[in-house]
Amino acid sequence: MLVALSGTPGTGKSTVAHKLREMGFDVLDLKDLANGLNLFEGYDKARKSRIYDLEAVSNYISRINEKGGIVILEGLIAHLLPVDIAIVLRCRTPILEKRLVGKGYTKEKIRENLEAEALSNRTQESHDETDTYEIDTTNM
């Protein structure tokens, strides 16, 4: 079973992934995977970030899924992949803003991520056939 752990930057994906690993779950960091296997299709100069090759990432994780068991896929694009369950972490924007400032994000990047969170983009983008659950991490 493939489980997506997704959410806007600053909602707690890395923290939750760390806790899940401590509990013995198999958690795959999609950023590390994509970096290690160069699963990108380009670079967005405006956002100063790489663009994932969703097809290549999907193909790779489909091979992981053949082994069975539960694998948690952690990352910004996890909810876009062919997963069985998507868990989207959410955070109220005033708290999220403080978290992103603490991470050193630019004003433009903070604004973009706050808009995405306010519009619940991650949840809206999940596949129709995927069971999607939201968890509010504001007070966690």
N, C-alpha and C. Protein backbone atom coordinates (compact mmCIF):
# COMPACT_ATOMS: atom_id res chain seq x y z
N MET A 1 0.85 -1.17 0.00
CA MET A 1 0.00 0.00 0.00
C MET A 1 0.89 1.23 0.00
N LEU A 2 0.59 2.17 -0.86
CA LEU A 2 1.33 3.43 -0.92
C LEU A 2 0.51 4.53 -0.26
N VAL A 3 1.15 5.24 0.66
CA VAL A 3 0.51 6.32 1.40
C VAL A 3 1.28 7.61 1.13
N ALA A 4 0.58 8.63 0.66
CA ALA A 4 1.20 9.93 0.44
C ALA A 4 1.14 10.73 1.73
N LEU A 5 2.25 11.38 2.07
CA LEU A 5 2.30 12.33 3.17
C LEU A 5 2.71 13.65 2.53
N SER A 6 1.74 14.54 2.38
CA SER A 6 1.96 15.76 1.62
C SER A 6 1.50 16.97 2.41
N GLY A 7 1.70 18.13 1.85
CA GLY A 7 1.27 19.38 2.47
C GLY A 7 2.16 20.51 2.03
N THR A 8 1.68 21.70 2.26
CA THR A 8 2.43 22.91 1.94
C THR A 8 3.71 22.91 2.78
N PRO A 9 4.80 23.51 2.26
CA PRO A 9 6.00 23.62 3.08
C PRO A 9 5.68 24.25 4.44
N GLY A 10 6.25 23.68 5.49
CA GLY A 10 6.06 24.21 6.83
C GLY A 10 4.92 23.57 7.61
N THR A 11 4.20 22.64 7.00
CA THR A 11 3.08 22.01 7.71
C THR A 11 3.51 20.85 8.59
N GLY A 12 4.74 20.37 8.43
CA GLY A 12 5.24 19.33 9.32
C GLY A 12 5.53 17.98 8.68
N LYS A 13 5.65 17.94 7.37
CA LYS A 13 5.90 16.66 6.68
C LYS A 13 7.17 15.98 7.19
N SER A 14 8.24 16.72 7.27
CA SER A 14 9.52 16.13 7.71
C SER A 14 9.45 15.65 9.15
N THR A 15 8.81 16.42 10.00
CA THR A 15 8.67 16.05 11.40
C THR A 15 7.85 14.78 11.54
N VAL A 16 6.72 14.71 10.85
CA VAL A 16 5.87 13.52 10.91
C VAL A 16 6.62 12.32 10.32
N ALA A 17 7.31 12.53 9.20
CA ALA A 17 8.06 11.44 8.57
C ALA A 17 9.11 10.89 9.53
N HIS A 18 9.79 11.78 10.23
CA HIS A 18 10.80 11.35 11.21
C HIS A 18 10.17 10.48 12.30
N LYS A 19 9.03 10.93 12.82
CA LYS A 19 8.33 10.17 13.86
C LYS A 19 7.88 8.80 13.34
N LEU A 20 7.38 8.77 12.11
CA LEU A 20 6.95 7.50 11.52
C LEU A 20 8.12 6.54 11.34
N ARG A 21 9.27 7.06 10.94
CA ARG A 21 10.47 6.21 10.82
C ARG A 21 10.84 5.63 12.19
N GLU A 22 10.78 6.48 13.23
CA GLU A 22 11.08 6.02 14.58
C GLU A 22 10.14 4.89 15.01
N MET A 23 8.92 4.92 14.50
CA MET A 23 7.92 3.89 14.83
C MET A 23 8.10 2.64 13.98
N GLY A 24 9.04 2.66 13.04
CA GLY A 24 9.33 1.49 12.24
C GLY A 24 8.70 1.47 10.85
N PHE A 25 8.04 2.55 10.47
CA PHE A 25 7.44 2.59 9.13
C PHE A 25 8.50 2.85 8.07
N ASP A 26 8.25 2.34 6.88
CA ASP A 26 9.11 2.57 5.72
C ASP A 26 8.67 3.89 5.08
N VAL A 27 9.49 4.94 5.25
CA VAL A 27 9.17 6.27 4.72
C VAL A 27 10.21 6.65 3.68
N LEU A 28 9.73 7.01 2.51
CA LEU A 28 10.60 7.40 1.40
C LEU A 28 10.48 8.90 1.17
N ASP A 29 11.59 9.61 1.30
CA ASP A 29 11.63 11.05 1.05
C ASP A 29 11.74 11.26 -0.46
N LEU A 30 10.69 11.81 -1.06
CA LEU A 30 10.64 11.96 -2.51
C LEU A 30 11.68 12.95 -3.03
N LYS A 31 12.02 13.94 -2.25
CA LYS A 31 13.06 14.89 -2.68
C LYS A 31 14.40 14.18 -2.79
N ASP A 32 14.73 13.37 -1.76
CA ASP A 32 15.99 12.61 -1.80
C ASP A 32 15.99 11.62 -2.96
N LEU A 33 14.85 10.96 -3.17
CA LEU A 33 14.73 10.01 -4.27
C LEU A 33 14.97 10.70 -5.61
N ALA A 34 14.27 11.81 -5.83
CA ALA A 34 14.39 12.53 -7.10
C ALA A 34 15.80 13.07 -7.30
N ASN A 35 16.40 13.58 -6.23
CA ASN A 35 17.78 14.07 -6.33
C ASN A 35 18.75 12.94 -6.65
N GLY A 36 18.59 11.81 -5.97
CA GLY A 36 19.49 10.68 -6.17
C GLY A 36 19.39 10.05 -7.55
N LEU A 37 18.20 10.03 -8.11
CA LEU A 37 17.98 9.39 -9.42
C LEU A 37 17.78 10.41 -10.54
N ASN A 38 17.91 11.69 -10.22
CA ASN A 38 17.73 12.78 -11.18
C ASN A 38 16.38 12.67 -11.91
N LEU A 39 15.32 12.61 -11.13
CA LEU A 39 13.97 12.47 -11.69
C LEU A 39 13.30 13.83 -11.85
N PHE A 40 13.95 14.69 -12.63
CA PHE A 40 13.43 16.03 -12.87
C PHE A 40 13.30 16.25 -14.38
N GLU A 41 12.38 17.15 -14.74
CA GLU A 41 12.19 17.45 -16.15
C GLU A 41 12.56 18.88 -16.50
N GLY A 42 13.02 19.62 -15.53
CA GLY A 42 13.41 20.99 -15.80
C GLY A 42 13.65 21.77 -14.53
N TYR A 43 13.78 23.09 -14.72
CA TYR A 43 14.05 23.99 -13.61
C TYR A 43 13.18 25.23 -13.75
N ASP A 44 12.52 25.62 -12.67
CA ASP A 44 11.69 26.81 -12.65
C ASP A 44 12.53 27.95 -12.09
N LYS A 45 12.98 28.85 -12.98
CA LYS A 45 13.86 29.94 -12.57
C LYS A 45 13.16 30.90 -11.61
N ALA A 46 11.89 31.17 -11.85
CA ALA A 46 11.15 32.11 -11.00
C ALA A 46 11.06 31.60 -9.56
N ARG A 47 10.84 30.30 -9.40
CA ARG A 47 10.70 29.72 -8.06
C ARG A 47 12.03 29.16 -7.53
N LYS A 48 13.03 29.15 -8.39
CA LYS A 48 14.35 28.62 -8.03
C LYS A 48 14.23 27.20 -7.50
N SER A 49 13.52 26.38 -8.27
CA SER A 49 13.35 24.99 -7.85
C SER A 49 13.25 24.07 -9.07
N ARG A 50 13.62 22.84 -8.84
CA ARG A 50 13.52 21.83 -9.88
C ARG A 50 12.07 21.41 -10.08
N ILE A 51 11.77 20.95 -11.29
CA ILE A 51 10.43 20.46 -11.60
C ILE A 51 10.51 18.94 -11.68
N TYR A 52 9.74 18.28 -10.83
CA TYR A 52 9.75 16.83 -10.80
C TYR A 52 9.21 16.26 -12.11
N ASP A 53 9.75 15.14 -12.52
CA ASP A 53 9.21 14.35 -13.63
C ASP A 53 8.24 13.36 -13.00
N LEU A 54 6.96 13.73 -12.95
CA LEU A 54 5.96 12.91 -12.26
C LEU A 54 5.85 11.51 -12.83
N GLU A 55 5.99 11.39 -14.15
CA GLU A 55 5.90 10.06 -14.77
C GLU A 55 7.05 9.18 -14.31
N ALA A 56 8.26 9.73 -14.28
CA ALA A 56 9.43 8.95 -13.86
C ALA A 56 9.32 8.56 -12.38
N VAL A 57 8.87 9.49 -11.54
CA VAL A 57 8.71 9.19 -10.12
C VAL A 57 7.62 8.13 -9.93
N SER A 58 6.51 8.28 -10.67
CA SER A 58 5.41 7.30 -10.59
C SER A 58 5.88 5.92 -11.00
N ASN A 59 6.66 5.85 -12.07
CA ASN A 59 7.18 4.55 -12.53
C ASN A 59 8.07 3.91 -11.46
N TYR A 60 8.90 4.73 -10.82
CA TYR A 60 9.79 4.19 -9.80
C TYR A 60 8.99 3.67 -8.61
N ILE A 61 8.04 4.44 -8.13
CA ILE A 61 7.30 4.00 -6.94
C ILE A 61 6.37 2.84 -7.24
N SER A 62 5.94 2.69 -8.49
CA SER A 62 5.09 1.54 -8.82
C SER A 62 5.87 0.24 -8.64
N ARG A 63 7.17 0.28 -8.87
CA ARG A 63 8.01 -0.91 -8.64
C ARG A 63 8.14 -1.19 -7.15
N ILE A 64 8.18 -0.13 -6.34
CA ILE A 64 8.25 -0.30 -4.89
C ILE A 64 6.97 -0.97 -4.41
N ASN A 65 5.85 -0.55 -4.96
CA ASN A 65 4.55 -1.06 -4.55
C ASN A 65 4.39 -2.55 -4.82
N GLU A 66 5.11 -3.07 -5.81
CA GLU A 66 5.03 -4.49 -6.14
C GLU A 66 5.51 -5.37 -4.99
N LYS A 67 6.36 -4.83 -4.11
CA LYS A 67 6.91 -5.61 -3.00
C LYS A 67 5.89 -5.82 -1.88
N GLY A 68 4.84 -5.02 -1.87
CA GLY A 68 3.83 -5.14 -0.82
C GLY A 68 4.21 -4.36 0.41
N GLY A 69 3.41 -4.48 1.44
CA GLY A 69 3.64 -3.74 2.67
C GLY A 69 3.17 -2.30 2.53
N ILE A 70 3.47 -1.51 3.55
CA ILE A 70 3.09 -0.10 3.56
C ILE A 70 4.34 0.73 3.35
N VAL A 71 4.28 1.60 2.35
CA VAL A 71 5.36 2.55 2.10
C VAL A 71 4.75 3.94 2.12
N ILE A 72 5.34 4.81 2.93
CA ILE A 72 4.87 6.19 3.03
C ILE A 72 5.79 7.05 2.18
N LEU A 73 5.19 7.80 1.28
CA LEU A 73 5.92 8.69 0.37
C LEU A 73 5.77 10.11 0.88
N GLU A 74 6.87 10.70 1.32
CA GLU A 74 6.82 12.03 1.92
C GLU A 74 7.35 13.07 0.95
N GLY A 75 6.54 14.10 0.70
CA GLY A 75 7.01 15.18 -0.15
C GLY A 75 5.89 16.02 -0.73
N LEU A 76 6.29 17.14 -1.31
CA LEU A 76 5.34 18.08 -1.89
C LEU A 76 4.47 17.48 -2.98
N ILE A 77 5.01 16.52 -3.72
CA ILE A 77 4.27 15.94 -4.85
C ILE A 77 3.62 14.60 -4.53
N ALA A 78 3.76 14.15 -3.30
CA ALA A 78 3.28 12.80 -2.95
C ALA A 78 1.81 12.60 -3.30
N HIS A 79 0.99 13.60 -3.08
CA HIS A 79 -0.44 13.49 -3.35
C HIS A 79 -0.77 13.41 -4.84
N LEU A 80 0.20 13.74 -5.69
CA LEU A 80 0.01 13.69 -7.14
C LEU A 80 0.33 12.32 -7.73
N LEU A 81 0.87 11.45 -6.92
CA LEU A 81 1.30 10.14 -7.38
C LEU A 81 0.17 9.12 -7.21
N PRO A 82 0.27 7.99 -7.90
CA PRO A 82 -0.77 6.96 -7.78
C PRO A 82 -0.66 6.22 -6.45
N VAL A 83 -1.27 6.79 -5.43
CA VAL A 83 -1.21 6.23 -4.08
C VAL A 83 -2.58 5.73 -3.67
N ASP A 84 -2.60 4.91 -2.63
CA ASP A 84 -3.86 4.38 -2.12
C ASP A 84 -4.54 5.37 -1.17
N ILE A 85 -3.73 6.05 -0.38
CA ILE A 85 -4.23 7.01 0.60
C ILE A 85 -3.33 8.24 0.56
N ALA A 86 -3.95 9.42 0.64
CA ALA A 86 -3.18 10.66 0.73
C ALA A 86 -3.50 11.34 2.06
N ILE A 87 -2.46 11.62 2.82
CA ILE A 87 -2.60 12.37 4.06
C ILE A 87 -1.99 13.74 3.80
N VAL A 88 -2.82 14.77 3.88
CA VAL A 88 -2.39 16.13 3.61
C VAL A 88 -2.35 16.90 4.92
N LEU A 89 -1.16 17.36 5.28
CA LEU A 89 -1.02 18.13 6.51
C LEU A 89 -1.39 19.58 6.22
N ARG A 90 -2.14 20.18 7.14
CA ARG A 90 -2.63 21.55 6.98
C ARG A 90 -2.20 22.37 8.19
N CYS A 91 -2.12 23.67 8.01
CA CYS A 91 -1.76 24.58 9.09
C CYS A 91 -2.42 25.92 8.84
N ARG A 92 -2.96 26.54 9.89
CA ARG A 92 -3.55 27.86 9.72
C ARG A 92 -2.48 28.85 9.29
N THR A 93 -2.86 29.74 8.37
CA THR A 93 -1.87 30.59 7.71
C THR A 93 -1.05 31.49 8.64
N PRO A 94 -1.59 32.05 9.73
CA PRO A 94 -0.72 32.88 10.58
C PRO A 94 0.44 32.09 11.19
N ILE A 95 0.16 30.87 11.59
CA ILE A 95 1.20 30.00 12.17
C ILE A 95 2.15 29.53 11.07
N LEU A 96 1.58 29.16 9.93
CA LEU A 96 2.41 28.72 8.80
C LEU A 96 3.37 29.83 8.39
N GLU A 97 2.89 31.05 8.36
CA GLU A 97 3.76 32.17 7.99
C GLU A 97 4.95 32.26 8.94
N LYS A 98 4.71 32.13 10.23
CA LYS A 98 5.81 32.16 11.21
C LYS A 98 6.81 31.03 10.95
N ARG A 99 6.29 29.85 10.64
CA ARG A 99 7.16 28.70 10.37
C ARG A 99 8.03 28.97 9.13
N LEU A 100 7.42 29.52 8.08
CA LEU A 100 8.16 29.76 6.84
C LEU A 100 9.19 30.87 7.01
N VAL A 101 8.85 31.90 7.78
CA VAL A 101 9.83 32.96 8.09
C VAL A 101 11.01 32.32 8.82
N GLY A 102 10.72 31.44 9.77
CA GLY A 102 11.77 30.74 10.52
C GLY A 102 12.66 29.87 9.64
N LYS A 103 12.11 29.40 8.54
CA LYS A 103 12.89 28.58 7.60
C LYS A 103 13.69 29.45 6.63
N GLY A 104 13.49 30.77 6.69
CA GLY A 104 14.24 31.67 5.83
C GLY A 104 13.66 31.84 4.43
N TYR A 105 12.40 31.54 4.24
CA TYR A 105 11.76 31.71 2.94
C TYR A 105 11.67 33.19 2.58
N THR A 106 11.74 33.50 1.29
CA THR A 106 11.57 34.87 0.82
C THR A 106 10.11 35.29 0.98
N LYS A 107 9.88 36.59 0.96
CA LYS A 107 8.51 37.10 1.08
C LYS A 107 7.63 36.55 -0.03
N GLU A 108 8.15 36.48 -1.24
CA GLU A 108 7.38 35.97 -2.38
C GLU A 108 7.04 34.49 -2.19
N LYS A 109 8.02 33.72 -1.75
CA LYS A 109 7.79 32.28 -1.53
C LYS A 109 6.79 32.06 -0.38
N ILE A 110 6.87 32.88 0.64
CA ILE A 110 5.92 32.78 1.75
C ILE A 110 4.52 33.08 1.24
N ARG A 111 4.36 34.17 0.48
CA ARG A 111 3.06 34.54 -0.05
C ARG A 111 2.48 33.42 -0.90
N GLU A 112 3.29 32.86 -1.77
CA GLU A 112 2.85 31.77 -2.66
C GLU A 112 2.38 30.56 -1.85
N ASN A 113 3.13 30.20 -0.83
CA ASN A 113 2.77 29.04 -0.02
C ASN A 113 1.55 29.30 0.87
N LEU A 114 1.41 30.52 1.36
CA LEU A 114 0.22 30.85 2.14
C LEU A 114 -1.03 30.80 1.28
N GLU A 115 -0.92 31.27 0.03
CA GLU A 115 -2.05 31.19 -0.90
C GLU A 115 -2.41 29.73 -1.18
N ALA A 116 -1.40 28.92 -1.41
CA ALA A 116 -1.65 27.50 -1.68
C ALA A 116 -2.34 26.84 -0.49
N GLU A 117 -1.91 27.18 0.72
CA GLU A 117 -2.51 26.60 1.91
C GLU A 117 -3.95 27.09 2.08
N ALA A 118 -4.17 28.39 1.87
CA ALA A 118 -5.52 28.95 2.03
C ALA A 118 -6.50 28.33 1.04
N LEU A 119 -6.01 28.00 -0.14
CA LEU A 119 -6.87 27.41 -1.18
C LEU A 119 -6.93 25.89 -1.09
N SER A 120 -6.24 25.31 -0.12
CA SER A 120 -6.13 23.86 0.06
C SER A 120 -5.75 23.15 -1.24
N ASN A 121 -4.75 23.70 -1.93
CA ASN A 121 -4.31 23.15 -3.22
C ASN A 121 -3.94 21.68 -3.16
N ARG A 122 -3.20 21.28 -2.13
CA ARG A 122 -2.75 19.89 -2.06
C ARG A 122 -3.94 18.93 -2.02
N THR A 123 -4.95 19.27 -1.25
CA THR A 123 -6.12 18.40 -1.14
C THR A 123 -6.89 18.38 -2.46
N GLN A 124 -7.02 19.53 -3.08
CA GLN A 124 -7.77 19.63 -4.34
C GLN A 124 -7.09 18.87 -5.47
N GLU A 125 -5.77 18.75 -5.43
CA GLU A 125 -5.02 18.11 -6.50
C GLU A 125 -4.98 16.59 -6.40
N SER A 126 -5.33 16.03 -5.26
CA SER A 126 -5.27 14.58 -5.08
C SER A 126 -6.16 13.88 -6.10
N HIS A 127 -5.75 12.67 -6.48
CA HIS A 127 -6.53 11.88 -7.43
C HIS A 127 -7.93 11.61 -6.90
N ASP A 128 -8.90 11.62 -7.77
CA ASP A 128 -10.29 11.35 -7.38
C ASP A 128 -10.45 10.00 -6.72
N GLU A 129 -9.69 9.01 -7.18
CA GLU A 129 -9.84 7.66 -6.65
C GLU A 129 -9.04 7.43 -5.36
N THR A 130 -8.31 8.44 -4.93
CA THR A 130 -7.50 8.33 -3.72
C THR A 130 -8.28 8.82 -2.51
N ASP A 131 -8.29 8.01 -1.44
CA ASP A 131 -8.87 8.47 -0.19
C ASP A 131 -7.93 9.52 0.39
N THR A 132 -8.44 10.73 0.60
CA THR A 132 -7.62 11.84 1.06
C THR A 132 -8.09 12.31 2.43
N TYR A 133 -7.12 12.45 3.35
CA TYR A 133 -7.42 12.88 4.71
C TYR A 133 -6.58 14.09 5.04
N GLU A 134 -7.17 15.06 5.70
CA GLU A 134 -6.45 16.25 6.13
C GLU A 134 -6.21 16.18 7.64
N ILE A 135 -5.02 16.61 8.05
CA ILE A 135 -4.69 16.69 9.47
C ILE A 135 -4.18 18.09 9.75
N ASP A 136 -4.81 18.77 10.68
CA ASP A 136 -4.41 20.13 11.06
C ASP A 136 -3.24 20.05 12.04
N THR A 137 -2.10 20.58 11.64
CA THR A 137 -0.89 20.53 12.47
C THR A 137 -0.61 21.87 13.16
N THR A 138 -1.55 22.78 13.10
CA THR A 138 -1.34 24.13 13.64
C THR A 138 -0.83 24.10 15.07
N ASN A 139 -1.42 23.30 15.91
CA ASN A 139 -1.05 23.29 17.33
C ASN A 139 -0.14 22.12 17.69
N MET A 140 0.45 21.52 16.71
CA MET A 140 1.32 20.37 16.98
C MET A 140 2.77 20.75 16.86
